[in-house]
Amino acid sequence: MKSDFICPKCHGFMSVDNRIVFTIKGKNNKMGILFLSPILGDYTYSSNPSFKINPGEKVEFHCPICHADLSVAGSDTLARVVMREEERYEYYIVFSKKEGERCTYKLSEKDIEHFGDHAHAYVDFVAASFLK
């Protein structure tokens, strides 16, 4: 099934060659590019080897096109993008910005799927923030 990942602000396409592309900002305002796996529950990523992200460190995720901050309102730990499947179904994908914290949520208007060992940490907040 083909999925596209889209910026919720500018609606630009953020996925290239089976990776989601982000600009990120770490501690000391160090900036870089991060490529994240598009498979929900797969937490592999790649970035420049000189851009070190320490365990537990939070990084800011931005759209590489419009540079919008992708943080979820009301949370300093979660970010979001839009996933479009088969060019017609859209979901919010919410994920942790903290290195090593494995939690991802796939949200439709009335349903939530969660992935990762730490998904329980924010499921109530995510449900309250996104479900109608």
Protein backbone atom coordinates (compact mmCIF):
# COMPACT_ATOMS: atom_id res chain seq x y z
CA MET A 1 0.00 0.00 0.00
CA LYS A 2 1.41 3.39 -1.02
CA SER A 3 1.61 6.03 1.70
CA ASP A 4 2.62 9.66 1.38
CA PHE A 5 3.66 11.77 4.35
CA ILE A 6 2.55 15.38 4.21
CA CYS A 7 3.20 18.53 6.23
CA PRO A 8 0.03 19.49 8.15
CA LYS A 9 0.82 23.18 7.54
CA CYS A 10 1.89 23.58 3.88
CA HIS A 11 0.62 20.18 2.63
CA GLY A 12 3.98 19.55 0.95
CA PHE A 13 5.16 16.00 0.38
CA MET A 14 7.81 15.02 2.95
CA SER A 15 8.53 11.44 1.86
CA VAL A 16 11.30 10.54 -0.58
CA ASP A 17 12.78 7.11 -1.44
CA ASN A 18 10.88 5.30 1.30
CA ARG A 19 11.94 7.76 4.03
CA ILE A 20 10.22 10.70 5.72
CA VAL A 21 12.43 13.80 5.59
CA PHE A 22 12.59 16.28 8.46
CA THR A 23 14.78 19.18 9.42
CA ILE A 24 15.59 18.91 13.11
CA LYS A 25 17.05 21.06 15.83
CA GLY A 26 18.81 19.51 18.80
CA LYS A 27 20.49 20.85 21.88
CA ASN A 28 22.56 24.01 21.47
CA ASN A 29 20.36 24.82 18.43
CA LYS A 30 22.37 22.42 16.27
CA MET A 31 20.41 21.72 13.07
CA GLY A 32 20.36 18.86 10.60
CA ILE A 33 18.34 16.57 8.34
CA LEU A 34 16.77 13.36 9.63
CA PHE A 35 15.36 10.50 7.55
CA LEU A 36 12.76 8.43 9.41
CA SER A 37 11.30 5.07 8.42
CA PRO A 38 7.73 5.37 7.10
CA ILE A 39 6.77 2.01 8.65
CA LEU A 40 4.73 2.66 11.78
CA GLY A 41 6.48 1.02 14.73
CA ASP A 42 9.89 1.00 13.01
CA TYR A 43 12.07 3.53 14.83
CA THR A 44 15.11 3.43 12.58
CA TYR A 45 16.39 6.73 11.30
CA SER A 46 19.48 8.18 9.74
CA SER A 47 21.15 11.56 9.93
CA ASN A 48 24.59 13.04 9.47
CA PRO A 49 27.06 11.11 11.65
CA SER A 50 28.24 14.41 13.18
CA PHE A 51 24.70 15.18 14.41
CA LYS A 52 24.54 13.15 17.61
CA ILE A 53 21.23 12.67 19.41
CA ASN A 54 21.71 11.44 22.96
CA PRO A 55 19.32 8.98 24.64
CA GLY A 56 16.39 10.88 26.17
CA GLU A 57 17.19 14.07 24.24
CA LYS A 58 14.24 15.88 22.66
CA VAL A 59 14.68 17.30 19.19
CA GLU A 60 12.45 19.73 17.34
CA PHE A 61 10.95 18.40 14.10
CA HIS A 62 10.28 20.83 11.25
CA CYS A 63 8.90 20.54 7.75
CA PRO A 64 11.81 20.59 5.26
CA ILE A 65 9.66 22.62 2.83
CA CYS A 66 7.97 25.40 4.85
CA HIS A 67 10.02 24.97 8.07
CA ALA A 68 6.86 24.79 10.22
CA ASP A 69 7.29 23.42 13.72
CA LEU A 70 5.55 20.02 13.73
CA SER A 71 4.99 19.93 17.49
CA VAL A 72 1.58 18.92 18.82
CA ALA A 73 -0.14 21.82 20.61
CA GLY A 74 -0.08 21.33 24.37
CA SER A 75 2.83 18.88 24.33
CA ASP A 76 6.57 19.50 24.32
CA THR A 77 7.25 15.81 23.56
CA LEU A 78 5.05 14.99 20.54
CA ALA A 79 5.16 15.88 16.83
CA ARG A 80 2.78 15.10 13.99
CA VAL A 81 2.52 14.66 10.23
CA VAL A 82 -0.29 13.60 7.91
CA MET A 83 -0.20 10.19 6.25
CA ARG A 84 -2.20 9.69 3.07
CA GLU A 85 -2.83 6.09 1.99
CA GLU A 86 -3.87 5.18 -1.54
CA GLU A 87 -4.33 8.89 -2.32
CA ARG A 88 -7.63 9.07 -0.42
CA TYR A 89 -7.40 8.08 3.27
CA GLU A 90 -5.74 10.57 5.61
CA TYR A 91 -4.54 10.05 9.16
CA TYR A 92 -2.57 12.08 11.66
CA ILE A 93 0.60 10.30 12.68
CA VAL A 94 1.78 11.46 16.11
CA PHE A 95 5.18 10.41 17.46
CA SER A 96 7.62 11.17 20.25
CA LYS A 97 10.40 13.70 19.74
CA LYS A 98 12.47 12.07 22.49
CA GLU A 99 15.36 9.83 21.41
CA GLY A 100 14.70 6.26 22.48
CA GLU A 101 11.03 6.77 23.33
CA ARG A 102 9.14 4.40 21.05
CA CYS A 103 5.57 5.58 20.63
CA THR A 104 3.57 6.32 17.51
CA TYR A 105 -0.15 6.88 17.03
CA LYS A 106 -2.22 6.61 13.85
CA LEU A 107 -5.39 8.64 14.21
CA SER A 108 -8.53 8.73 12.13
CA GLU A 109 -11.56 10.81 13.10
CA LYS A 110 -12.84 8.18 15.53
CA ASP A 111 -10.08 5.63 16.03
CA ILE A 112 -6.54 5.41 17.35
CA GLU A 113 -3.93 2.74 16.67
CA HIS A 114 -0.75 2.79 18.71
CA PHE A 115 2.71 1.33 18.15
CA GLY A 116 5.85 0.98 20.25
CA ASP A 117 6.90 -0.02 23.74
CA HIS A 118 6.08 3.42 25.21
CA ALA A 119 2.72 4.02 23.48
CA HIS A 120 0.87 3.93 26.80
CA ALA A 121 2.67 7.14 27.90
CA TYR A 122 0.60 9.56 25.81
CA VAL A 123 -2.40 7.57 24.58
CA ASP A 124 -4.89 9.45 26.79
CA PHE A 125 -3.47 12.86 25.79
CA VAL A 126 -3.48 11.96 22.10
CA ALA A 127 -7.03 10.59 22.23
CA ALA A 128 -8.29 13.71 24.04
CA SER A 129 -6.46 16.03 21.63
CA PHE A 130 -7.38 14.41 18.30
CA LEU A 131 -10.46 12.18 18.53
CA LYS A 132 -13.91 13.70 18.13
